[in-house]
C-alpha atoms as a PDB file:
ATOM      1  CA  MET A   1      13.506 -26.618  42.610  1.00  0.00           C
ATOM      2  CA  ASP A   2      16.946 -28.163  40.740  1.00  0.00           C
ATOM      3  CA  GLN A   3      18.564 -25.457  39.371  1.00  0.00           C
ATOM      4  CA  LEU A   4      19.967 -27.559  36.210  1.00  0.00           C
ATOM      5  CA  GLN A   5      15.988 -27.086  35.064  1.00  0.00           C
ATOM      6  CA  ASN A   6      16.592 -23.139  34.696  1.00  0.00           C
ATOM      7  CA  LYS A   7      19.889 -23.504  32.697  1.00  0.00           C
ATOM      8  CA  ARG A   8      19.594 -22.975  28.936  1.00  0.00           C
ATOM      9  CA  ASN A   9      20.324 -25.311  26.420  1.00  0.00           C
ATOM     10  CA  ARG A  10      22.786 -24.120  24.108  1.00  0.00           C
ATOM     11  CA  ARG A  11      23.300 -25.057  20.697  1.00  0.00           C
ATOM     12  CA  THR A  12      26.543 -24.871  18.247  1.00  0.00           C
ATOM     13  CA  SER A  13      26.296 -23.949  14.758  1.00  0.00           C
ATOM     14  CA  LEU A  14      26.386 -27.656  13.297  1.00  0.00           C
ATOM     15  CA  GLU A  15      23.600 -28.533  15.877  1.00  0.00           C
ATOM     16  CA  ILE A  16      21.423 -24.873  14.609  1.00  0.00           C
ATOM     17  CA  LYS A  17      22.515 -26.019  10.856  1.00  0.00           C
ATOM     18  CA  LYS A  18      21.405 -29.486  11.547  1.00  0.00           C
ATOM     19  CA  LEU A  19      17.939 -28.246  13.263  1.00  0.00           C
ATOM     20  CA  PHE A  20      17.727 -26.257   9.717  1.00  0.00           C
ATOM     21  CA  GLU A  21      18.365 -29.108   7.577  1.00  0.00           C
ATOM     22  CA  ASP A  22      15.813 -31.354   9.513  1.00  0.00           C
ATOM     23  CA  PHE A  23      13.065 -28.493   8.967  1.00  0.00           C
ATOM     24  CA  THR A  24      13.236 -28.006   5.435  1.00  0.00           C
ATOM     25  CA  HIS A  25      12.962 -31.946   4.856  1.00  0.00           C
ATOM     26  CA  SER A  26      10.010 -31.953   7.403  1.00  0.00           C
ATOM     27  CA  GLY A  27       7.298 -30.576   5.727  1.00  0.00           C
ATOM     28  CA  ILE A  28       5.712 -28.880   8.680  1.00  0.00           C
ATOM     29  CA  SER A  29       5.539 -25.273   9.648  1.00  0.00           C
ATOM     30  CA  ALA A  30       7.803 -23.307  12.028  1.00  0.00           C
ATOM     31  CA  LYS A  31       5.325 -22.954  14.446  1.00  0.00           C
ATOM     32  CA  GLU A  32       4.590 -26.945  15.005  1.00  0.00           C
ATOM     33  CA  PHE A  33       8.596 -27.573  14.123  1.00  0.00           C
ATOM     34  CA  CYS A  34       9.627 -25.227  17.511  1.00  0.00           C
ATOM     35  CA  LYS A  35       7.132 -26.575  19.590  1.00  0.00           C
ATOM     36  CA  ALA A  36       8.358 -30.084  18.811  1.00  0.00           C
ATOM     37  CA  GLN A  37      12.014 -28.997  19.465  1.00  0.00           C
ATOM     38  CA  GLY A  38      11.279 -26.916  22.246  1.00  0.00           C
ATOM     39  CA  VAL A  39      12.668 -23.840  20.716  1.00  0.00           C
ATOM     40  CA  SER A  40      10.761 -20.318  21.114  1.00  0.00           C
ATOM     41  CA  ARG A  41       9.829 -18.825  17.471  1.00  0.00           C
ATOM     42  CA  GLY A  42      11.939 -15.537  18.138  1.00  0.00           C
ATOM     43  CA  VAL A  43      14.976 -17.891  18.448  1.00  0.00           C
ATOM     44  CA  PHE A  44      14.443 -19.638  15.723  1.00  0.00           C
ATOM     45  CA  TYR A  45      13.632 -16.739  12.704  1.00  0.00           C
ATOM     46  CA  LYS A  46      17.060 -15.624  14.781  1.00  0.00           C
ATOM     47  CA  TRP A  47      18.575 -18.688  13.916  1.00  0.00           C
ATOM     48  CA  ARG A  48      17.714 -18.754  10.356  1.00  0.00           C
ATOM     49  CA  SER A  49      18.754 -15.400   9.685  1.00  0.00           C
ATOM     50  CA  ARG A  50      22.198 -16.234  10.569  1.00  0.00           C
ATOM     51  CA  TYR A  51      22.258 -19.716   9.599  1.00  0.00           C
ATOM     52  CA  GLY A  52      19.478 -20.889   7.303  1.00  0.00           C
ATOM     53  CA  ALA A  53      20.051 -21.408   3.736  1.00  0.00           C
ATOM     54  CA  LYS A  54      20.414 -18.226   1.376  1.00  0.00           C
ATOM     55  CA  PRO A  55      18.667 -18.716  -1.613  1.00  0.00           C
ATOM     56  CA  ALA A  56      21.049 -20.103  -4.383  1.00  0.00           C
ATOM     57  CA  VAL A  57      21.945 -18.165  -7.303  1.00  0.00           C
ATOM     58  CA  LYS A  58      22.991 -20.156 -10.472  1.00  0.00           C
ATOM     59  CA  ARG A  59      26.332 -19.754 -10.965  1.00  0.00           C
ATOM     60  CA  GLY A  60      26.825 -17.676 -14.635  1.00  0.00           C
ATOM     61  CA  ALA A  61      23.202 -16.780 -14.494  1.00  0.00           C
ATOM     62  CA  PHE A  62      22.075 -13.294 -15.407  1.00  0.00           C
ATOM     63  CA  ILE A  63      19.318 -11.289 -13.565  1.00  0.00           C
ATOM     64  CA  LYS A  64      16.765  -9.430 -16.111  1.00  0.00           C
ATOM     65  CA  LEU A  65      16.332  -5.469 -15.160  1.00  0.00           C
ATOM     66  CA  ASN A  66      13.950  -3.574 -16.699  1.00  0.00           C
ATOM     67  CA  VAL A  67      15.778   0.204 -17.085  1.00  0.00           C
ATOM     68  CA  PRO A  68      13.489   3.121 -17.432  1.00  0.00           C
ATOM     69  CA  THR A  69      14.258   5.357 -20.825  1.00  0.00           C
ATOM     70  CA  LEU A  70      14.410   9.357 -19.707  1.00  0.00           C
ATOM     71  CA  PRO A  71      12.986  11.698 -21.838  1.00  0.00           C
ATOM     72  CA  GLU A  72      14.729  13.355 -23.826  1.00  0.00           C
END
């Protein structure tokens, strides 16, 4: 058996970010995307926590907070 077949495929951070860009535009589930890319779902979610897009917060936007009042 060839030793090159057992070697892991390492991806750079730029390649991983490109994968997530492709994933967001693909419209398919994470399970299907992982199968198509040859990546385990565990690795996919690990990469997403590191490199995935974070939800954007509008600059200067306010967040409504509900502060309970204490009885006097």
